[in-house]
PDB file of N, CA and C in Angstrom:
ATOM      1  N   UNK A   1     -10.948  -2.597 -12.216  1.00  0.00           N
ATOM      2  CA  UNK A   1     -10.211  -2.958 -10.977  1.00  0.00           C
ATOM      3  C   UNK A   1      -9.348  -4.135 -11.334  1.00  0.00           C
ATOM      4  N   UNK A   2      -8.062  -4.116 -10.802  1.00  0.00           N
ATOM      5  CA  UNK A   2      -7.129  -5.050 -10.933  1.00  0.00           C
ATOM      6  C   UNK A   2      -7.228  -6.239  -9.905  1.00  0.00           C
ATOM      7  N   UNK A   3      -7.787  -7.363 -10.265  1.00  0.00           N
ATOM      8  CA  UNK A   3      -8.060  -8.479  -9.498  1.00  0.00           C
ATOM      9  C   UNK A   3      -6.748  -9.153  -9.002  1.00  0.00           C
ATOM     10  N   UNK A   4      -5.697  -8.833  -9.618  1.00  0.00           N
ATOM     11  CA  UNK A   4      -4.272  -9.466  -9.425  1.00  0.00           C
ATOM     12  C   UNK A   4      -3.640  -8.765  -8.153  1.00  0.00           C
ATOM     13  N   UNK A   5      -4.070  -7.641  -7.896  1.00  0.00           N
ATOM     14  CA  UNK A   5      -3.320  -6.926  -6.814  1.00  0.00           C
ATOM     15  C   UNK A   5      -4.052  -6.902  -5.500  1.00  0.00           C
ATOM     16  N   UNK A   6      -3.231  -7.144  -4.368  1.00  0.00           N
ATOM     17  CA  UNK A   6      -3.560  -7.329  -3.017  1.00  0.00           C
ATOM     18  C   UNK A   6      -3.141  -6.140  -2.022  1.00  0.00           C
ATOM     19  N   UNK A   7      -4.060  -5.777  -1.272  1.00  0.00           N
ATOM     20  CA  UNK A   7      -3.597  -4.842  -0.247  1.00  0.00           C
ATOM     21  C   UNK A   7      -3.154  -5.656   0.954  1.00  0.00           C
ATOM     22  N   UNK A   8      -2.092  -5.437   1.470  1.00  0.00           N
ATOM     23  CA  UNK A   8      -1.555  -6.176   2.759  1.00  0.00           C
ATOM     24  C   UNK A   8      -1.318  -5.156   3.851  1.00  0.00           C
ATOM     25  N   UNK A   9      -2.048  -5.316   4.900  1.00  0.00           N
ATOM     26  CA  UNK A   9      -1.982  -4.342   5.902  1.00  0.00           C
ATOM     27  C   UNK A   9      -1.478  -5.069   7.348  1.00  0.00           C
ATOM     28  N   UNK A  10      -1.303  -4.077   8.127  1.00  0.00           N
ATOM     29  CA  UNK A  10      -0.832  -4.434   9.621  1.00  0.00           C
ATOM     30  C   UNK A  10       0.501  -5.110   9.583  1.00  0.00           C
ATOM     31  N   UNK A  11       1.357  -4.553   8.640  1.00  0.00           N
ATOM     32  CA  UNK A  11       2.893  -4.997   8.543  1.00  0.00           C
ATOM     33  C   UNK A  11       3.666  -4.361   9.659  1.00  0.00           C
ATOM     34  N   UNK A  12       4.665  -5.204   9.955  1.00  0.00           N
ATOM     35  CA  UNK A  12       5.796  -4.629  10.888  1.00  0.00           C
ATOM     36  C   UNK A  12       6.330  -3.628  10.139  1.00  0.00           C
ATOM     37  N   UNK A  13       6.793  -2.508  10.842  1.00  0.00           N
ATOM     38  CA  UNK A  13       7.429  -1.346  10.315  1.00  0.00           C
ATOM     39  C   UNK A  13       8.861  -1.757   9.626  1.00  0.00           C
ATOM     40  N   UNK A  14       9.323  -2.836  10.133  1.00  0.00           N
ATOM     41  CA  UNK A  14      10.541  -3.455   9.551  1.00  0.00           C
ATOM     42  C   UNK A  14      10.455  -4.320   8.276  1.00  0.00           C
ATOM     43  N   UNK A  15       9.273  -4.652   7.971  1.00  0.00           N
ATOM     44  CA  UNK A  15       9.132  -5.509   6.788  1.00  0.00           C
ATOM     45  C   UNK A  15       9.563  -4.918   5.541  1.00  0.00           C
ATOM     46  N   UNK A  16      10.368  -5.762   4.790  1.00  0.00           N
ATOM     47  CA  UNK A  16      10.936  -5.155   3.488  1.00  0.00           C
ATOM     48  C   UNK A  16      10.151  -5.913   2.398  1.00  0.00           C
ATOM     49  N   UNK A  17      10.323  -5.276   1.127  1.00  0.00           N
ATOM     50  CA  UNK A  17       9.709  -5.799   0.040  1.00  0.00           C
ATOM     51  C   UNK A  17      10.009  -7.279  -0.257  1.00  0.00           C
ATOM     52  N   UNK A  18      11.423  -7.617  -0.099  1.00  0.00           N
ATOM     53  CA  UNK A  18      11.888  -8.872  -0.481  1.00  0.00           C
ATOM     54  C   UNK A  18      11.266  -9.930   0.590  1.00  0.00           C
ATOM     55  N   UNK A  19      10.925  -9.532   1.895  1.00  0.00           N
ATOM     56  CA  UNK A  19      10.284 -10.438   2.786  1.00  0.00           C
ATOM     57  C   UNK A  19       8.889 -10.780   2.290  1.00  0.00           C
ATOM     58  N   UNK A  20       8.193  -9.824   1.708  1.00  0.00           N
ATOM     59  CA  UNK A  20       6.795 -10.061   1.193  1.00  0.00           C
ATOM     60  C   UNK A  20       6.796 -10.839  -0.046  1.00  0.00           C
ATOM     61  N   UNK A  21       7.887 -10.613  -0.880  1.00  0.00           N
ATOM     62  CA  UNK A  21       8.051 -11.404  -2.100  1.00  0.00           C
ATOM     63  C   UNK A  21       8.132 -12.889  -1.688  1.00  0.00           C
ATOM     64  N   UNK A  22       9.084 -13.177  -0.840  1.00  0.00           N
ATOM     65  CA  UNK A  22       9.386 -14.538  -0.545  1.00  0.00           C
ATOM     66  C   UNK A  22       8.095 -15.296   0.124  1.00  0.00           C
ATOM     67  N   UNK A  23       7.358 -14.503   1.061  1.00  0.00           N
ATOM     68  CA  UNK A  23       6.281 -15.066   1.765  1.00  0.00           C
ATOM     69  C   UNK A  23       5.088 -15.376   0.895  1.00  0.00           C
ATOM     70  N   UNK A  24       4.803 -14.239   0.142  1.00  0.00           N
ATOM     71  CA  UNK A  24       3.593 -14.431  -0.759  1.00  0.00           C
ATOM     72  C   UNK A  24       3.890 -15.336  -2.152  1.00  0.00           C
ATOM     73  N   UNK A  25       5.052 -15.645  -2.362  1.00  0.00           N
ATOM     74  CA  UNK A  25       5.287 -16.484  -3.396  1.00  0.00           C
ATOM     75  C   UNK A  25       4.833 -18.000  -3.229  1.00  0.00           C
ATOM     76  N   UNK A  26       4.701 -18.230  -1.907  1.00  0.00           N
ATOM     77  CA  UNK A  26       4.043 -19.551  -1.581  1.00  0.00           C
ATOM     78  C   UNK A  26       2.577 -19.851  -2.271  1.00  0.00           C
ATOM     79  N   UNK A  27       2.031 -18.691  -2.629  1.00  0.00           N
ATOM     80  CA  UNK A  27       0.555 -18.753  -3.150  1.00  0.00           C
ATOM     81  C   UNK A  27       0.624 -18.686  -4.766  1.00  0.00           C
ATOM     82  N   UNK A  28       1.758 -18.236  -5.204  1.00  0.00           N
ATOM     83  CA  UNK A  28       1.834 -18.078  -6.802  1.00  0.00           C
ATOM     84  C   UNK A  28       2.940 -17.225  -7.173  1.00  0.00           C
ATOM     85  N   UNK A  29       2.932 -16.743  -8.345  1.00  0.00           N
ATOM     86  CA  UNK A  29       3.895 -16.016  -9.003  1.00  0.00           C
ATOM     87  C   UNK A  29       3.647 -14.518  -8.644  1.00  0.00           C
ATOM     88  N   UNK A  30       4.570 -13.940  -7.932  1.00  0.00           N
ATOM     89  CA  UNK A  30       4.456 -12.458  -7.517  1.00  0.00           C
ATOM     90  C   UNK A  30       5.111 -11.688  -8.571  1.00  0.00           C
ATOM     91  N   UNK A  31       4.270 -10.769  -9.170  1.00  0.00           N
ATOM     92  CA  UNK A  31       4.909  -9.804 -10.080  1.00  0.00           C
ATOM     93  C   UNK A  31       5.444  -8.599  -9.632  1.00  0.00           C
ATOM     94  N   UNK A  32       4.895  -8.104  -8.457  1.00  0.00           N
ATOM     95  CA  UNK A  32       5.495  -6.861  -7.904  1.00  0.00           C
ATOM     96  C   UNK A  32       5.097  -6.869  -6.397  1.00  0.00           C
ATOM     97  N   UNK A  33       5.955  -6.098  -5.620  1.00  0.00           N
ATOM     98  CA  UNK A  33       5.636  -5.835  -4.293  1.00  0.00           C
ATOM     99  C   UNK A  33       6.012  -4.382  -4.090  1.00  0.00           C
ATOM    100  N   UNK A  34       5.166  -3.582  -3.402  1.00  0.00           N
ATOM    101  CA  UNK A  34       5.555  -2.348  -3.001  1.00  0.00           C
ATOM    102  C   UNK A  34       5.090  -1.783  -1.621  1.00  0.00           C
ATOM    103  N   UNK A  35       6.124  -1.758  -0.802  1.00  0.00           N
ATOM    104  CA  UNK A  35       5.925  -1.387   0.512  1.00  0.00           C
ATOM    105  C   UNK A  35       5.679   0.201   0.531  1.00  0.00           C
ATOM    106  N   UNK A  36       4.610   0.776   1.079  1.00  0.00           N
ATOM    107  CA  UNK A  36       4.235   2.134   1.007  1.00  0.00           C
ATOM    108  C   UNK A  36       5.032   2.931   2.102  1.00  0.00           C
ATOM    109  N   UNK A  37       5.812   4.045   1.816  1.00  0.00           N
ATOM    110  CA  UNK A  37       6.727   4.720   2.644  1.00  0.00           C
ATOM    111  C   UNK A  37       5.995   6.037   2.959  1.00  0.00           C
ATOM    112  N   UNK A  38       6.373   6.596   4.289  1.00  0.00           N
ATOM    113  CA  UNK A  38       6.010   7.909   4.467  1.00  0.00           C
ATOM    114  C   UNK A  38       6.875   8.862   3.631  1.00  0.00           C
ATOM    115  N   UNK A  39       6.356   9.960   2.978  1.00  0.00           N
ATOM    116  CA  UNK A  39       7.085  10.978   2.224  1.00  0.00           C
ATOM    117  C   UNK A  39       8.205  11.684   2.961  1.00  0.00           C
ATOM    118  N   UNK A  40       7.796  12.031   4.108  1.00  0.00           N
ATOM    119  CA  UNK A  40       8.654  12.864   4.947  1.00  0.00           C
ATOM    120  C   UNK A  40       9.720  12.055   5.558  1.00  0.00           C
ATOM    121  N   UNK A  41       9.560  10.987   6.199  1.00  0.00           N
ATOM    122  CA  UNK A  41      10.414  10.202   7.000  1.00  0.00           C
ATOM    123  C   UNK A  41      11.115   8.977   6.340  1.00  0.00           C
ATOM    124  N   UNK A  42      10.414   8.524   5.158  1.00  0.00           N
ATOM    125  CA  UNK A  42      10.983   7.519   4.335  1.00  0.00           C
ATOM    126  C   UNK A  42      10.782   6.002   5.006  1.00  0.00           C
ATOM    127  N   UNK A  43      10.094   6.139   6.178  1.00  0.00           N
ATOM    128  CA  UNK A  43       9.831   4.798   6.879  1.00  0.00           C
ATOM    129  C   UNK A  43       8.418   4.263   6.455  1.00  0.00           C
ATOM    130  N   UNK A  44       8.319   2.833   6.592  1.00  0.00           N
ATOM    131  CA  UNK A  44       7.213   2.269   6.184  1.00  0.00           C
ATOM    132  C   UNK A  44       5.931   2.733   6.929  1.00  0.00           C
ATOM    133  N   UNK A  45       4.868   2.729   6.176  1.00  0.00           N
ATOM    134  CA  UNK A  45       3.540   3.198   6.639  1.00  0.00           C
ATOM    135  C   UNK A  45       2.805   1.950   7.175  1.00  0.00           C
ATOM    136  N   UNK A  46       3.336   0.619   7.076  1.00  0.00           N
ATOM    137  CA  UNK A  46       2.713  -0.401   7.586  1.00  0.00           C
ATOM    138  C   UNK A  46       1.736  -1.165   6.678  1.00  0.00           C
ATOM    139  N   UNK A  47       1.789  -0.870   5.483  1.00  0.00           N
ATOM    140  CA  UNK A  47       0.989  -1.457   4.476  1.00  0.00           C
ATOM    141  C   UNK A  47       1.792  -1.672   3.126  1.00  0.00           C
ATOM    142  N   UNK A  48       1.297  -2.448   2.322  1.00  0.00           N
ATOM    143  CA  UNK A  48       1.859  -2.700   1.034  1.00  0.00           C
ATOM    144  C   UNK A  48       1.019  -3.227  -0.059  1.00  0.00           C
ATOM    145  N   UNK A  49       1.365  -3.299  -1.214  1.00  0.00           N
ATOM    146  CA  UNK A  49       0.500  -3.927  -2.368  1.00  0.00           C
ATOM    147  C   UNK A  49       1.415  -4.985  -2.950  1.00  0.00           C
ATOM    148  N   UNK A  50       0.754  -6.145  -3.176  1.00  0.00           N
ATOM    149  CA  UNK A  50       1.403  -7.229  -3.751  1.00  0.00           C
ATOM    150  C   UNK A  50       0.554  -7.638  -4.957  1.00  0.00           C
ATOM    151  N   UNK A  51       1.228  -7.881  -6.117  1.00  0.00           N
ATOM    152  CA  UNK A  51       0.678  -8.197  -7.341  1.00  0.00           C
ATOM    153  C   UNK A  51       0.956  -9.598  -7.773  1.00  0.00           C
ATOM    154  N   UNK A  52      -0.011 -10.419  -8.238  1.00  0.00           N
ATOM    155  CA  UNK A  52       0.244 -11.676  -8.733  1.00  0.00           C
ATOM    156  C   UNK A  52       0.054 -11.753 -10.255  1.00  0.00           C
ATOM    157  N   UNK A  53       0.440 -12.773 -10.778  1.00  0.00           N
ATOM    158  CA  UNK A  53       0.429 -13.101 -12.239  1.00  0.00           C
ATOM    159  C   UNK A  53      -1.114 -13.179 -12.689  1.00  0.00           C
ATOM    160  N   UNK A  54      -1.931 -13.925 -11.892  1.00  0.00           N
ATOM    161  CA  UNK A  54      -3.339 -14.165 -12.167  1.00  0.00           C
ATOM    162  C   UNK A  54      -4.204 -13.913 -10.993  1.00  0.00           C
ATOM    163  N   UNK A  55      -5.419 -13.443 -11.304  1.00  0.00           N
ATOM    164  CA  UNK A  55      -6.439 -13.341 -10.333  1.00  0.00           C
ATOM    165  C   UNK A  55      -6.700 -14.572  -9.377  1.00  0.00           C
ATOM    166  N   UNK A  56      -6.457 -15.733  -9.911  1.00  0.00           N
ATOM    167  CA  UNK A  56      -6.680 -17.047  -9.114  1.00  0.00           C
ATOM    168  C   UNK A  56      -5.529 -17.141  -8.018  1.00  0.00           C
ATOM    169  N   UNK A  57      -4.301 -16.717  -8.401  1.00  0.00           N
ATOM    170  CA  UNK A  57      -3.257 -16.708  -7.421  1.00  0.00           C
ATOM    171  C   UNK A  57      -3.444 -15.605  -6.277  1.00  0.00           C
ATOM    172  N   UNK A  58      -4.083 -14.563  -6.668  1.00  0.00           N
ATOM    173  CA  UNK A  58      -4.322 -13.585  -5.744  1.00  0.00           C
ATOM    174  C   UNK A  58      -5.312 -14.063  -4.679  1.00  0.00           C
ATOM    175  N   UNK A  59      -6.567 -14.654  -5.303  1.00  0.00           N
ATOM    176  CA  UNK A  59      -7.613 -15.096  -4.442  1.00  0.00           C
ATOM    177  C   UNK A  59      -7.028 -16.217  -3.451  1.00  0.00           C
ATOM    178  N   UNK A  60      -6.130 -17.045  -3.963  1.00  0.00           N
ATOM    179  CA  UNK A  60      -5.585 -18.089  -3.148  1.00  0.00           C
ATOM    180  C   UNK A  60      -4.688 -17.498  -2.010  1.00  0.00           C
ATOM    181  N   UNK A  61      -3.931 -16.297  -2.407  1.00  0.00           N
ATOM    182  CA  UNK A  61      -3.076 -15.707  -1.295  1.00  0.00           C
ATOM    183  C   UNK A  61      -3.979 -14.973  -0.170  1.00  0.00           C
ATOM    184  N   UNK A  62      -5.116 -14.529  -0.505  1.00  0.00           N
ATOM    185  CA  UNK A  62      -6.085 -13.830   0.323  1.00  0.00           C
ATOM    186  C   UNK A  62      -6.588 -15.037   1.453  1.00  0.00           C
ATOM    187  N   UNK A  63      -7.020 -16.022   0.741  1.00  0.00           N
ATOM    188  CA  UNK A  63      -7.403 -17.324   1.514  1.00  0.00           C
ATOM    189  C   UNK A  63      -6.319 -17.873   2.482  1.00  0.00           C
ATOM    190  N   UNK A  64      -5.094 -17.817   1.897  1.00  0.00           N
ATOM    191  CA  UNK A  64      -3.955 -18.474   2.640  1.00  0.00           C
ATOM    192  C   UNK A  64      -3.322 -17.481   3.762  1.00  0.00           C
ATOM    193  N   UNK A  65      -3.371 -16.325   3.501  1.00  0.00           N
ATOM    194  CA  UNK A  65      -2.663 -15.429   4.439  1.00  0.00           C
ATOM    195  C   UNK A  65      -3.523 -14.304   5.163  1.00  0.00           C
ATOM    196  N   UNK A  66      -4.777 -14.130   4.765  1.00  0.00           N
ATOM    197  CA  UNK A  66      -5.535 -13.144   5.736  1.00  0.00           C
ATOM    198  C   UNK A  66      -5.646 -13.601   7.069  1.00  0.00           C
ATOM    199  N   UNK A  67      -5.358 -12.744   8.042  1.00  0.00           N
ATOM    200  CA  UNK A  67      -5.366 -12.991   9.451  1.00  0.00           C
ATOM    201  C   UNK A  67      -4.364 -13.936  10.079  1.00  0.00           C
ATOM    202  N   UNK A  68      -3.327 -14.302   9.133  1.00  0.00           N
ATOM    203  CA  UNK A  68      -2.111 -15.123   9.540  1.00  0.00           C
ATOM    204  C   UNK A  68      -1.001 -14.194  10.011  1.00  0.00           C
ATOM    205  N   UNK A  69      -0.380 -14.810  10.874  1.00  0.00           N
ATOM    206  CA  UNK A  69       0.763 -14.084  11.523  1.00  0.00           C
ATOM    207  C   UNK A  69       1.900 -14.160  10.709  1.00  0.00           C
ATOM    208  N   UNK A  70       2.595 -12.922  10.605  1.00  0.00           N
ATOM    209  CA  UNK A  70       3.775 -12.701   9.749  1.00  0.00           C
ATOM    210  C   UNK A  70       4.650 -11.589  10.423  1.00  0.00           C
ATOM    211  N   UNK A  71       5.874 -12.057  10.800  1.00  0.00           N
ATOM    212  CA  UNK A  71       6.815 -11.169  11.601  1.00  0.00           C
ATOM    213  C   UNK A  71       6.138 -10.648  12.792  1.00  0.00           C
ATOM    214  N   UNK A  72       5.389 -11.469  13.514  1.00  0.00           N
ATOM    215  CA  UNK A  72       4.685 -10.963  14.785  1.00  0.00           C
ATOM    216  C   UNK A  72       3.437 -10.270  14.676  1.00  0.00           C
ATOM    217  N   UNK A  73       2.861 -10.103  13.410  1.00  0.00           N
ATOM    218  CA  UNK A  73       1.598  -9.301  13.304  1.00  0.00           C
ATOM    219  C   UNK A  73       0.702 -10.180  12.494  1.00  0.00           C
ATOM    220  N   UNK A  74      -0.657  -9.988  12.848  1.00  0.00           N
ATOM    221  CA  UNK A  74      -1.738 -10.688  12.023  1.00  0.00           C
ATOM    222  C   UNK A  74      -2.077  -9.797  10.812  1.00  0.00           C
ATOM    223  N   UNK A  75      -1.732 -10.404   9.745  1.00  0.00           N
ATOM    224  CA  UNK A  75      -1.903  -9.548   8.418  1.00  0.00           C
ATOM    225  C   UNK A  75      -3.331  -9.434   8.078  1.00  0.00           C
ATOM    226  N   UNK A  76      -3.700  -8.250   7.452  1.00  0.00           N
ATOM    227  CA  UNK A  76      -4.939  -8.008   6.680  1.00  0.00           C
ATOM    228  C   UNK A  76      -4.491  -8.024   5.189  1.00  0.00           C
ATOM    229  N   UNK A  77      -5.111  -9.135   4.522  1.00  0.00           N
ATOM    230  CA  UNK A  77      -4.938  -9.341   3.156  1.00  0.00           C
ATOM    231  C   UNK A  77      -6.219  -9.345   2.285  1.00  0.00           C
ATOM    232  N   UNK A  78      -6.485  -8.410   1.424  1.00  0.00           N
ATOM    233  CA  UNK A  78      -7.730  -8.477   0.489  1.00  0.00           C
ATOM    234  C   UNK A  78      -7.231  -7.817  -0.810  1.00  0.00           C
ATOM    235  N   UNK A  79      -8.134  -8.052  -1.668  1.00  0.00           N
ATOM    236  CA  UNK A  79      -8.136  -7.545  -3.062  1.00  0.00           C
ATOM    237  C   UNK A  79      -8.035  -6.029  -2.873  1.00  0.00           C
ATOM    238  N   UNK A  80      -7.095  -5.443  -3.587  1.00  0.00           N
ATOM    239  CA  UNK A  80      -6.910  -3.944  -3.503  1.00  0.00           C
ATOM    240  C   UNK A  80      -8.124  -3.317  -4.221  1.00  0.00           C
ATOM    241  N   UNK A  81      -8.733  -2.275  -3.637  1.00  0.00           N
ATOM    242  CA  UNK A  81      -9.658  -1.374  -4.346  1.00  0.00           C
ATOM    243  C   UNK A  81      -8.919  -0.240  -4.976  1.00  0.00           C
ATOM    244  N   UNK A  82      -9.631   0.290  -5.932  1.00  0.00           N
ATOM    245  CA  UNK A  82      -9.067   1.518  -6.602  1.00  0.00           C
ATOM    246  C   UNK A  82      -8.972   2.670  -5.485  1.00  0.00           C
ATOM    247  N   UNK A  83      -7.931   3.501  -5.764  1.00  0.00           N
ATOM    248  CA  UNK A  83      -7.742   4.543  -4.864  1.00  0.00           C
ATOM    249  C   UNK A  83      -8.967   5.563  -4.922  1.00  0.00           C
ATOM    250  N   UNK A  84      -9.357   6.083  -3.830  1.00  0.00           N
ATOM    251  CA  UNK A  84     -10.568   6.937  -3.803  1.00  0.00           C
ATOM    252  C   UNK A  84     -10.106   8.268  -4.037  1.00  0.00           C
ATOM    253  N   UNK A  85     -10.807   9.047  -4.833  1.00  0.00           N
ATOM    254  CA  UNK A  85     -10.538  10.461  -5.201  1.00  0.00           C
ATOM    255  C   UNK A  85     -10.750  11.173  -3.922  1.00  0.00           C
ATOM    256  N   UNK A  86      -9.840  12.050  -3.566  1.00  0.00           N
ATOM    257  CA  UNK A  86      -9.857  12.973  -2.525  1.00  0.00           C
ATOM    258  C   UNK A  86      -9.851  14.315  -3.097  1.00  0.00           C
ATOM    259  N   UNK A  87     -10.391  15.182  -2.093  1.00  0.00           N
ATOM    260  CA  UNK A  87     -10.494  16.830  -2.560  1.00  0.00           C
ATOM    261  C   UNK A  87      -8.940  17.111  -2.271  1.00  0.00           C
ATOM    262  N   UNK A  88      -8.344  17.970  -3.129  1.00  0.00           N
ATOM    263  CA  UNK A  88      -6.959  18.499  -3.055  1.00  0.00           C
ATOM    264  C   UNK A  88      -6.895  19.233  -1.618  1.00  0.00           C
ATOM    265  N   UNK A  89      -5.737  19.079  -1.089  1.00  0.00           N
ATOM    266  CA  UNK A  89      -5.546  19.700   0.225  1.00  0.00           C
ATOM    267  C   UNK A  89      -5.446  21.233  -0.128  1.00  0.00           C
ATOM    268  N   UNK A  90      -5.808  22.054   0.783  1.00  0.00           N
ATOM    269  CA  UNK A  90      -5.845  23.437   0.586  1.00  0.00           C
ATOM    270  C   UNK A  90      -4.493  24.123   0.806  1.00  0.00           C
ATOM    271  N   UNK A  91      -3.989  24.777  -0.139  1.00  0.00           N
ATOM    272  CA  UNK A  91      -2.641  25.462  -0.182  1.00  0.00           C
ATOM    273  C   UNK A  91      -2.699  26.980  -0.032  1.00  0.00           C
ATOM    274  N   UNK A  92      -3.795  27.547  -0.118  1.00  0.00           N
ATOM    275  CA  UNK A  92      -3.785  28.896  -0.064  1.00  0.00           C
ATOM    276  C   UNK A  92      -4.306  29.585  -1.324  1.00  0.00           C
ATOM    277  N   UNK A  93      -4.398  28.733  -2.460  1.00  0.00           N
ATOM    278  CA  UNK A  93      -4.857  29.104  -3.732  1.00  0.00           C
ATOM    279  C   UNK A  93      -5.468  27.900  -4.368  1.00  0.00           C
ATOM    280  N   UNK A  94      -6.271  28.130  -5.495  1.00  0.00           N
ATOM    281  CA  UNK A  94      -6.839  27.140  -6.250  1.00  0.00           C
ATOM    282  C   UNK A  94      -5.925  26.217  -7.101  1.00  0.00           C
ATOM    283  N   UNK A  95      -4.612  26.863  -7.385  1.00  0.00           N
ATOM    284  CA  UNK A  95      -3.724  26.230  -8.291  1.00  0.00           C
ATOM    285  C   UNK A  95      -2.823  25.259  -7.429  1.00  0.00           C
ATOM    286  N   UNK A  96      -2.712  25.365  -6.133  1.00  0.00           N
ATOM    287  CA  UNK A  96      -1.916  24.499  -5.315  1.00  0.00           C
ATOM    288  C   UNK A  96      -0.498  24.812  -5.370  1.00  0.00           C
ATOM    289  N   UNK A  97      -0.072  25.925  -5.941  1.00  0.00           N
ATOM    290  CA  UNK A  97       1.493  26.275  -5.899  1.00  0.00           C
ATOM    291  C   UNK A  97       1.938  27.370  -4.971  1.00  0.00           C
ATOM    292  N   UNK A  98       1.092  27.780  -4.138  1.00  0.00           N
ATOM    293  CA  UNK A  98       1.562  28.577  -3.024  1.00  0.00           C
ATOM    294  C   UNK A  98       1.486  30.070  -3.515  1.00  0.00           C
ATOM    295  N   UNK A  99       1.224  30.426  -4.801  1.00  0.00           N
ATOM    296  CA  UNK A  99       1.224  31.801  -5.252  1.00  0.00           C
ATOM    297  C   UNK A  99       0.101  32.575  -4.883  1.00  0.00           C
ATOM    298  N   UNK A 100      -0.949  31.936  -4.411  1.00  0.00           N
ATOM    299  CA  UNK A 100      -2.036  32.808  -3.866  1.00  0.00           C
ATOM    300  C   UNK A 100      -2.051  33.240  -2.504  1.00  0.00           C
ATOM    301  N   UNK A 101      -0.909  32.956  -1.678  1.00  0.00           N
ATOM    302  CA  UNK A 101      -0.933  33.342  -0.387  1.00  0.00           C
ATOM    303  C   UNK A 101      -0.646  34.932  -0.211  1.00  0.00           C
ATOM    304  N   UNK A 102      -1.283  35.344   0.842  1.00  0.00           N
ATOM    305  CA  UNK A 102      -1.398  36.857   0.936  1.00  0.00           C
ATOM    306  C   UNK A 102      -0.493  37.197   2.188  1.00  0.00           C
ATOM    307  N   UNK A 103       0.287  38.219   2.145  1.00  0.00           N
ATOM    308  CA  UNK A 103       0.872  38.758   3.370  1.00  0.00           C
ATOM    309  C   UNK A 103       0.156  39.922   3.698  1.00  0.00           C
ATOM    310  N   UNK A 104      -0.687  39.942   4.907  1.00  0.00           N
ATOM    311  CA  UNK A 104      -1.574  40.833   5.368  1.00  0.00           C
ATOM    312  C   UNK A 104      -0.801  41.861   6.222  1.00  0.00           C
ATOM    313  N   UNK A 105       0.585  41.524   6.545  1.00  0.00           N
ATOM    314  CA  UNK A 105       1.281  42.265   7.415  1.00  0.00           C
ATOM    315  C   UNK A 105       1.984  43.646   6.554  1.00  0.00           C
ATOM    316  N   UNK A 106       1.759  43.658   5.327  1.00  0.00           N
ATOM    317  CA  UNK A 106       2.343  44.827   4.559  1.00  0.00           C
ATOM    318  C   UNK A 106       1.465  46.052   4.425  1.00  0.00           C
TER     319      UNK A 106
END
């Protein structure tokens, strides 16, 4: 688990990566920021990941910014957990490429 990486939730949908870079740099050296976008619309999903140079800076940021207001919203800030494995979405076949779909009308 990467102790340098933070989950930042409850973001305004207008929040940009540079906004977070500037804000979180108060706690230390920010090495990356990624606002998560909806695949279909390209709009923000309301959360991001912020990575710091050291775990100590990440912990400082959690202490400094969790539940604090940013752009009119109370942020959720905590150490990011690894992504949970999810079952693949059903697509009509086991390969997931759509080839297994049947046309029962023929």
